[in-house]
C-alpha cells in the first residue's frame, strides 16, 4: 500500500469521504489514504507544494490570486458542481422568498460559504454592497485570510441557533443543518441551487502530479469507484453516514437518508467540473483578491487525467462489472415520473419506489 495524505478543508467533505474509505475503493488501487483530518487554507498552500501532503480536498477561492503570484496549485477533478441549500428563517420574519430577505440580517458561517451567500443573493437581485441586507459571519476570520481565528474543532454555536435565537433573521444552509433547523420548528424554504466549485475538489501541486502520474491515476480511480459505490449502494452508504458523520450532530436514519438523497444525485461520476461552477467560484476569487483577475480561471484545471480515464471507459466499466442494484433496476421507471430539472436535488422527488424508500 502506498500511503497518501488527503486532508479536508471543511468537515462537510466527510459525508463523501467516509463512504469512499469504507467502500474500500482506494485500497483496491493500492492506496492507504489518511483523509480524516483538517488542514487550513494557509497550511494547504504551504504543505502541498512542499510535498508534505499529496492531495487536498479544497482551497477553492484563494488559489487563483496565488497562481498570479507564482503558485503551482492544480485542480484534478471535482465531485460536486452545485450547492443545494435551503433558506432557513423564523415564522415571524415575514420571509417567504429570497426577495423578502431585503432589509434583514442574514447569518453565514465560514469564508467560502459567506462568499457563496454573497454571490447567490447578488445573482437574485440583493447586493450587500448596496446595503440591501446585512451579512453577518458567525465565525471571525483572520484579516485577508480564508482561515478562521478559532482552530478547527472549536465549539461553535450552530448557525440555525442564530436564527432561532433572533440574532439573525435568516440563513442559507445545507443538510443536515437545515434538517436540524426544521426539527426545531424553523421555516425551511426550498431555493434554487447555486452552480459552484465547492465540497471535495481533488487538488495538488503540478510538480507532484507530473512526477507521480501513476499514483494520481490510482487515486482518481479510487474517487470514481467510491462515488459509484455511493450512488449505487444506498443502504450501505446511509448506514455509513449515520454511524460516521457526526460533526454537525448525531443524525437519525431519516436525517442520514435525506442527506444521502440530496448528495447522491449531485456527485459527478467522472469528476468533471462544470463551466458555470468555475465561472461562479472565479467571481468569488476576484472579490476576495483582485490579483485573481490576472489569471484565466482555466489555468488551474488539469483535466487530462480524468479525460484519459473517461476515454478508457473507466466509469462506465464499473456499471458493467456488477449486477444491477435493486435501486438501479427501478431507474427507468423513475425517469418517466421525474419532472425536475437536472439541477434539482433528488430529495425533492417522490419516486414512489419501495426499494428506494429510506425512511
Protein backbone atom coordinates (compact mmCIF):
# COMPACT_ATOMS: atom_id res chain seq x y z
CA UNK A 1 0.00 0.00 0.00
CA UNK A 2 1.20 3.49 -0.86
CA UNK A 3 0.33 5.95 1.90
CA UNK A 4 -1.37 9.16 0.76
CA UNK A 5 -2.47 12.19 2.76
CA UNK A 6 -5.74 13.84 1.68
CA UNK A 7 -6.84 16.31 4.39
CA UNK A 8 -10.15 18.11 4.05
CA UNK A 9 -10.72 21.85 4.16
CA UNK A 10 -14.20 21.54 5.69
CA UNK A 11 -15.59 18.67 7.74
CA UNK A 12 -18.68 18.53 5.49
CA UNK A 13 -16.44 16.72 2.97
CA UNK A 14 -16.59 13.70 5.26
CA UNK A 15 -20.12 12.98 4.01
CA UNK A 16 -18.45 11.61 0.89
CA UNK A 17 -15.01 10.67 2.17
CA UNK A 18 -16.24 8.32 4.89
CA UNK A 19 -18.22 6.37 2.32
CA UNK A 20 -15.33 6.20 -0.15
CA UNK A 21 -12.98 4.98 2.58
CA UNK A 22 -15.42 2.41 3.96
CA UNK A 23 -16.17 1.12 0.45
CA UNK A 24 -12.55 0.02 0.05
CA UNK A 25 -12.22 1.85 -3.26
CA UNK A 26 -8.81 3.37 -2.51
CA UNK A 27 -7.47 0.12 -1.07
CA UNK A 28 -8.46 -1.65 -4.27
CA UNK A 29 -5.94 0.56 -6.08
CA UNK A 30 -3.17 0.04 -3.57
CA UNK A 31 -3.63 3.21 -1.53
CA UNK A 32 -3.89 3.83 2.19
CA UNK A 33 -5.46 7.28 2.38
CA UNK A 34 -5.26 9.43 5.50
CA UNK A 35 -8.29 11.65 4.91
CA UNK A 36 -9.93 12.24 8.29
CA UNK A 37 -8.07 15.36 9.40
CA UNK A 38 -8.38 19.07 8.74
CA UNK A 39 -5.99 21.46 7.04
CA UNK A 40 -6.25 25.24 6.97
CA UNK A 41 -6.15 27.25 3.76
CA UNK A 42 -2.77 28.79 4.53
CA UNK A 43 -1.27 25.47 5.63
CA UNK A 44 -2.55 23.79 2.46
CA UNK A 45 -0.82 26.44 0.33
CA UNK A 46 2.42 25.62 2.19
CA UNK A 47 2.13 21.84 2.54
CA UNK A 48 1.05 20.91 -1.00
CA UNK A 49 4.00 22.39 -2.92
CA UNK A 50 6.36 21.28 -0.14
CA UNK A 51 5.20 17.69 -0.63
CA UNK A 52 4.05 17.27 2.98
CA UNK A 53 0.62 16.21 1.71
CA UNK A 54 -0.12 14.70 -1.67
CA UNK A 55 -3.67 15.96 -2.20
CA UNK A 56 -6.09 18.41 -0.55
CA UNK A 57 -9.87 18.32 -0.74
CA UNK A 58 -10.40 22.01 -1.27
CA UNK A 59 -8.94 25.53 -1.36
CA UNK A 60 -11.42 26.81 -3.92
CA UNK A 61 -11.04 30.59 -3.77
CA UNK A 62 -7.55 31.64 -2.68
CA UNK A 63 -5.76 29.66 -5.40
CA UNK A 64 -6.45 31.97 -8.34
CA UNK A 65 -4.71 35.01 -6.91
CA UNK A 66 -1.97 32.73 -5.57
CA UNK A 67 -1.33 31.47 -9.09
CA UNK A 68 -0.92 35.07 -10.23
CA UNK A 69 1.88 35.26 -7.67
CA UNK A 70 3.61 32.07 -8.88
CA UNK A 71 1.82 29.27 -7.01
CA UNK A 72 1.79 25.78 -8.62
CA UNK A 73 -1.62 24.66 -7.33
CA UNK A 74 -3.62 22.45 -9.71
CA UNK A 75 -7.14 21.03 -9.70
CA UNK A 76 -7.51 17.45 -10.98
CA UNK A 77 -11.23 16.80 -10.59
CA UNK A 78 -14.48 17.92 -8.99
CA UNK A 79 -17.04 15.88 -7.06
CA UNK A 80 -19.94 18.38 -6.86
CA UNK A 81 -20.89 21.34 -9.06
CA UNK A 82 -23.91 22.75 -7.24
CA UNK A 83 -24.71 23.99 -3.73
CA UNK A 84 -28.16 22.66 -2.82
CA UNK A 85 -29.04 24.88 0.09
CA UNK A 86 -32.27 25.97 1.77
CA UNK A 87 -33.41 29.30 3.17
CA UNK A 88 -33.96 28.97 6.90
CA UNK A 89 -35.90 31.60 8.83
CA UNK A 90 -38.39 32.03 11.66
CA UNK A 91 -42.14 32.17 11.16
CA UNK A 92 -42.27 35.75 12.48
CA UNK A 93 -39.86 37.38 10.00
CA UNK A 94 -42.19 37.73 7.04
CA UNK A 95 -39.59 35.99 4.85
CA UNK A 96 -41.18 33.60 2.38
CA UNK A 97 -38.93 34.06 -0.67
CA UNK A 98 -35.35 35.13 -1.33
CA UNK A 99 -36.59 38.61 -2.29
CA UNK A 100 -38.05 39.04 1.21
CA UNK A 101 -34.54 38.98 2.68
CA UNK A 102 -34.16 42.68 1.76
CA UNK A 103 -33.71 44.76 4.89
CA UNK A 104 -32.98 41.77 7.10
CA UNK A 105 -29.95 40.28 8.85
CA UNK A 106 -28.57 37.16 7.18
CA UNK A 107 -26.28 34.81 9.07
CA UNK A 108 -23.48 32.90 7.40
CA UNK A 109 -20.68 30.64 8.57
CA UNK A 110 -17.18 30.41 7.16
CA UNK A 111 -15.15 32.08 4.42
CA UNK A 112 -16.23 30.21 1.30
CA UNK A 113 -19.85 29.77 2.46
CA UNK A 114 -20.12 33.52 3.08
CA UNK A 115 -18.91 34.18 -0.46
CA UNK A 116 -21.44 31.67 -1.77
CA UNK A 117 -24.20 33.51 0.09
CA UNK A 118 -22.97 36.88 -1.21
CA UNK A 119 -22.96 35.64 -4.80
CA UNK A 120 -26.27 33.75 -4.63
CA UNK A 121 -28.09 36.74 -3.20
CA UNK A 122 -26.44 39.12 -5.66
CA UNK A 123 -27.50 36.92 -8.58
CA UNK A 124 -31.00 37.07 -7.14
CA UNK A 125 -31.10 40.88 -7.01
CA UNK A 126 -29.87 41.53 -3.47
CA UNK A 127 -26.50 43.25 -3.15
CA UNK A 128 -24.83 43.58 0.24
CA UNK A 129 -22.69 46.40 -1.22
CA UNK A 130 -25.91 48.41 -1.69
CA UNK A 131 -26.91 47.62 1.89
CA UNK A 132 -29.87 45.56 0.66
CA UNK A 133 -29.27 43.30 3.65
CA UNK A 134 -26.70 42.74 6.39
CA UNK A 135 -24.47 39.67 6.10
CA UNK A 136 -23.16 38.52 9.48
CA UNK A 137 -20.43 35.87 9.58
CA UNK A 138 -20.77 33.85 12.77
CA UNK A 139 -17.13 32.74 12.57
CA UNK A 140 -14.50 35.52 12.81
CA UNK A 141 -11.69 35.20 10.27
CA UNK A 142 -8.13 36.42 10.08
CA UNK A 143 -7.85 39.62 8.07
CA UNK A 144 -7.16 38.88 4.42
CA UNK A 145 -7.29 35.13 5.02
CA UNK A 146 -9.70 32.26 4.37
CA UNK A 147 -8.82 30.80 7.79
CA UNK A 148 -10.92 31.35 10.92
CA UNK A 149 -9.37 32.81 14.05
CA UNK A 150 -10.60 29.85 16.09
CA UNK A 151 -8.96 26.49 15.34
CA UNK A 152 -10.79 23.62 13.65
CA UNK A 153 -12.78 21.69 16.23
CA UNK A 154 -13.53 24.74 18.38
CA UNK A 155 -17.03 24.55 19.84
CA UNK A 156 -19.29 26.77 17.75
CA UNK A 157 -22.95 27.62 18.03
CA UNK A 158 -24.83 26.06 15.08
CA UNK A 159 -25.96 28.63 12.54
CA UNK A 160 -29.60 27.68 12.88
CA UNK A 161 -29.40 28.61 16.59
CA UNK A 162 -28.58 32.16 15.49
CA UNK A 163 -31.84 32.21 13.53
CA UNK A 164 -33.85 30.61 16.31
CA UNK A 165 -32.46 32.99 18.94
CA UNK A 166 -33.19 36.10 16.77
CA UNK A 167 -29.56 37.10 16.37
CA UNK A 168 -30.16 36.96 12.61
CA UNK A 169 -33.36 36.70 10.60
CA UNK A 170 -32.35 34.09 8.04
CA UNK A 171 -29.52 31.91 6.76
CA UNK A 172 -28.75 29.66 3.81
CA UNK A 173 -27.98 26.11 4.96
CA UNK A 174 -27.24 22.68 3.56
CA UNK A 175 -28.33 19.42 5.22
CA UNK A 176 -28.06 18.12 7.85
CA UNK A 177 -28.06 21.62 9.43
CA UNK A 178 -31.27 22.53 7.59
CA UNK A 179 -32.87 19.32 8.89
CA UNK A 180 -31.99 20.13 12.49
CA UNK A 181 -33.46 23.61 11.91
CA UNK A 182 -36.72 22.13 10.61
CA UNK A 183 -36.92 19.73 13.55
CA UNK A 184 -36.54 22.75 15.85
CA UNK A 185 -39.61 24.38 14.31
CA UNK A 186 -37.94 26.86 11.98
CA UNK A 187 -39.24 27.57 8.49
CA UNK A 188 -37.19 25.86 5.77
CA UNK A 189 -37.77 27.15 2.23
CA UNK A 190 -36.55 25.39 -0.91
CA UNK A 191 -34.50 27.63 -3.21
CA UNK A 192 -32.62 27.21 -6.48
CA UNK A 193 -29.17 25.58 -6.35
CA UNK A 194 -26.04 27.64 -6.96
CA UNK A 195 -23.50 26.40 -9.53
CA UNK A 196 -20.26 26.28 -7.54
CA UNK A 197 -16.89 24.60 -7.15
CA UNK A 198 -17.02 23.55 -3.52
CA UNK A 199 -17.13 20.40 -1.36
CA UNK A 200 -14.39 17.89 -2.30
CA UNK A 201 -12.13 19.08 -5.11
CA UNK A 202 -9.08 16.92 -5.85
CA UNK A 203 -6.19 19.38 -5.57
CA UNK A 204 -2.42 19.00 -5.65
CA UNK A 205 0.70 20.72 -6.96
CA UNK A 206 1.78 20.48 -10.58
CA UNK A 207 5.34 19.22 -9.82
CA UNK A 208 3.95 16.34 -7.72
CA UNK A 209 1.37 15.44 -10.38
CA UNK A 210 3.96 15.42 -13.15
CA UNK A 211 6.32 13.27 -11.08
CA UNK A 212 3.72 10.69 -9.92
CA UNK A 213 1.18 10.14 -12.74
CA UNK A 214 0.54 6.52 -11.73
CA UNK A 215 -0.31 7.42 -8.14
CA UNK A 216 -2.52 10.28 -9.35
CA UNK A 217 -4.42 7.93 -11.66
CA UNK A 218 -4.92 5.34 -8.91
CA UNK A 219 -6.14 7.99 -6.50
CA UNK A 220 -8.64 9.30 -9.06
CA UNK A 221 -9.82 5.77 -9.81
CA UNK A 222 -10.48 5.30 -6.09
CA UNK A 223 -12.50 8.51 -6.01
CA UNK A 224 -14.56 7.48 -9.03
CA UNK A 225 -15.19 3.98 -7.66
CA UNK A 226 -16.15 5.44 -4.28
CA UNK A 227 -18.65 7.79 -5.93
CA UNK A 228 -20.07 4.85 -7.88
CA UNK A 229 -20.47 2.96 -4.59
CA UNK A 230 -22.19 6.00 -3.02
CA UNK A 231 -24.64 6.34 -5.90
CA UNK A 232 -25.49 2.66 -6.31
CA UNK A 233 -25.35 1.27 -2.75
CA UNK A 234 -27.83 3.47 -0.84
CA UNK A 235 -28.43 1.22 2.15
CA UNK A 236 -24.75 0.74 2.90
CA UNK A 237 -23.96 4.42 2.29
CA UNK A 238 -26.76 5.61 4.57
CA UNK A 239 -25.54 3.30 7.32
CA UNK A 240 -22.01 4.70 6.99
CA UNK A 241 -23.31 8.28 7.10
CA UNK A 242 -25.36 7.66 10.21
CA UNK A 243 -22.51 5.94 12.02
CA UNK A 244 -19.55 8.04 10.87
CA UNK A 245 -20.72 11.55 10.01
CA UNK A 246 -21.44 13.18 13.36
CA UNK A 247 -19.64 16.54 13.03
CA UNK A 248 -22.90 18.52 12.90
CA UNK A 249 -24.76 16.36 15.38
CA UNK A 250 -25.95 12.78 15.57
CA UNK A 251 -28.26 12.03 12.67
CA UNK A 252 -31.11 9.58 12.93
CA UNK A 253 -31.80 7.30 9.99
CA UNK A 254 -34.26 9.73 8.41
CA UNK A 255 -31.66 12.52 8.52
CA UNK A 256 -28.95 10.29 7.06
CA UNK A 257 -31.33 9.15 4.31
CA UNK A 258 -32.19 12.76 3.42
CA UNK A 259 -28.51 13.71 3.25
CA UNK A 260 -27.91 10.69 1.04
CA UNK A 261 -30.78 11.58 -1.31
CA UNK A 262 -29.50 15.14 -1.55
CA UNK A 263 -25.83 14.33 -2.14
CA UNK A 264 -26.00 11.19 -4.29
CA UNK A 265 -27.50 12.77 -7.44
CA UNK A 266 -25.11 15.72 -7.20
CA UNK A 267 -21.94 13.64 -7.28
CA UNK A 268 -20.07 13.79 -10.57
CA UNK A 269 -19.44 10.18 -11.69
CA UNK A 270 -16.45 11.16 -13.87
CA UNK A 271 -15.17 14.12 -11.75
CA UNK A 272 -15.62 16.72 -14.48
CA UNK A 273 -16.26 20.32 -13.35
CA UNK A 274 -18.99 22.42 -14.97
CA UNK A 275 -18.24 25.78 -16.55
CA UNK A 276 -20.94 27.66 -14.65
CA UNK A 277 -19.44 26.41 -11.38
CA UNK A 278 -15.94 27.54 -12.38
CA UNK A 279 -17.26 30.93 -13.51
CA UNK A 280 -19.01 31.49 -10.19
CA UNK A 281 -16.10 30.48 -7.97
CA UNK A 282 -13.85 32.75 -10.05
CA UNK A 283 -16.14 35.70 -9.25
CA UNK A 284 -15.63 34.91 -5.59
CA UNK A 285 -11.86 34.67 -6.05
CA UNK A 286 -11.81 38.13 -7.63
CA UNK A 287 -13.92 39.57 -4.82
CA UNK A 288 -11.53 38.08 -2.28
CA UNK A 289 -8.33 39.18 -4.04
CA UNK A 290 -8.06 41.41 -7.14
CA UNK A 291 -4.91 39.57 -8.22
CA UNK A 292 -7.19 36.77 -9.38
CA UNK A 293 -8.06 38.95 -12.40
CA UNK A 294 -4.52 38.36 -13.68
CA UNK A 295 -5.18 34.69 -14.47
CA UNK A 296 -7.61 32.82 -16.69
CA UNK A 297 -9.75 30.64 -14.38
CA UNK A 298 -9.00 27.57 -16.52
CA UNK A 299 -5.26 27.87 -15.85
CA UNK A 300 -5.64 25.94 -12.60
CA UNK A 301 -7.53 22.98 -14.06
CA UNK A 302 -5.57 19.97 -15.32
CA UNK A 303 -8.25 17.58 -16.56
CA UNK A 304 -6.17 15.32 -18.77
CA UNK A 305 -6.04 12.59 -16.10
CA UNK A 306 -9.83 12.26 -15.80
CA UNK A 307 -10.15 12.69 -19.57
CA UNK A 308 -7.83 9.72 -20.01
CA UNK A 309 -9.90 7.64 -17.59
CA UNK A 310 -13.05 8.68 -19.42
CA UNK A 311 -11.53 7.74 -22.80
CA UNK A 312 -10.68 4.35 -21.28
CA UNK A 313 -14.32 3.97 -20.26
CA UNK A 314 -13.36 3.53 -16.60
CA UNK A 315 -16.55 4.91 -15.02
CA UNK A 316 -18.77 3.05 -17.49
CA UNK A 317 -16.93 -0.20 -16.76
CA UNK A 318 -17.95 -0.03 -13.10
CA UNK A 319 -21.62 -0.37 -14.02
CA UNK A 320 -20.95 -3.17 -16.47
CA UNK A 321 -18.89 -5.17 -13.99
CA UNK A 322 -21.63 -5.66 -11.40
CA UNK A 323 -25.16 -6.99 -11.31
CA UNK A 324 -27.78 -4.21 -11.41
CA UNK A 325 -28.54 -2.97 -7.92
CA UNK A 326 -32.16 -3.12 -6.85
CA UNK A 327 -32.14 0.69 -6.72
CA UNK A 328 -30.93 0.82 -10.34
CA UNK A 329 -33.50 -1.64 -11.68
CA UNK A 330 -36.21 0.89 -10.96
CA UNK A 331 -34.35 3.81 -12.58
CA UNK A 332 -36.10 3.50 -15.94
CA UNK A 333 -39.49 3.65 -14.31
CA UNK A 334 -38.45 6.64 -12.24
CA UNK A 335 -37.30 8.56 -15.30
CA UNK A 336 -40.90 8.61 -16.54
CA UNK A 337 -42.05 10.14 -13.25
CA UNK A 338 -39.36 12.79 -12.84
CA UNK A 339 -40.24 16.30 -13.97
CA UNK A 340 -37.48 18.11 -12.10
CA UNK A 341 -34.52 19.77 -13.80
CA UNK A 342 -31.14 18.09 -13.58
CA UNK A 343 -30.10 20.75 -11.08
CA UNK A 344 -32.81 19.88 -8.56
CA UNK A 345 -31.83 17.54 -5.72
CA UNK A 346 -33.21 14.00 -5.87
CA UNK A 347 -34.56 14.53 -2.37
CA UNK A 348 -37.23 16.80 -3.84
CA UNK A 349 -38.69 13.92 -5.86
CA UNK A 350 -41.04 11.24 -4.56
CA UNK A 351 -40.16 8.26 -6.74
CA UNK A 352 -42.77 6.02 -5.19
CA UNK A 353 -40.27 3.17 -5.26
CA UNK A 354 -40.31 0.96 -2.22
CA UNK A 355 -36.74 -0.15 -2.89
CA UNK A 356 -35.58 3.48 -2.79
CA UNK A 357 -37.55 4.43 0.31
CA UNK A 358 -35.05 5.19 3.05
CA UNK A 359 -37.21 6.38 5.94
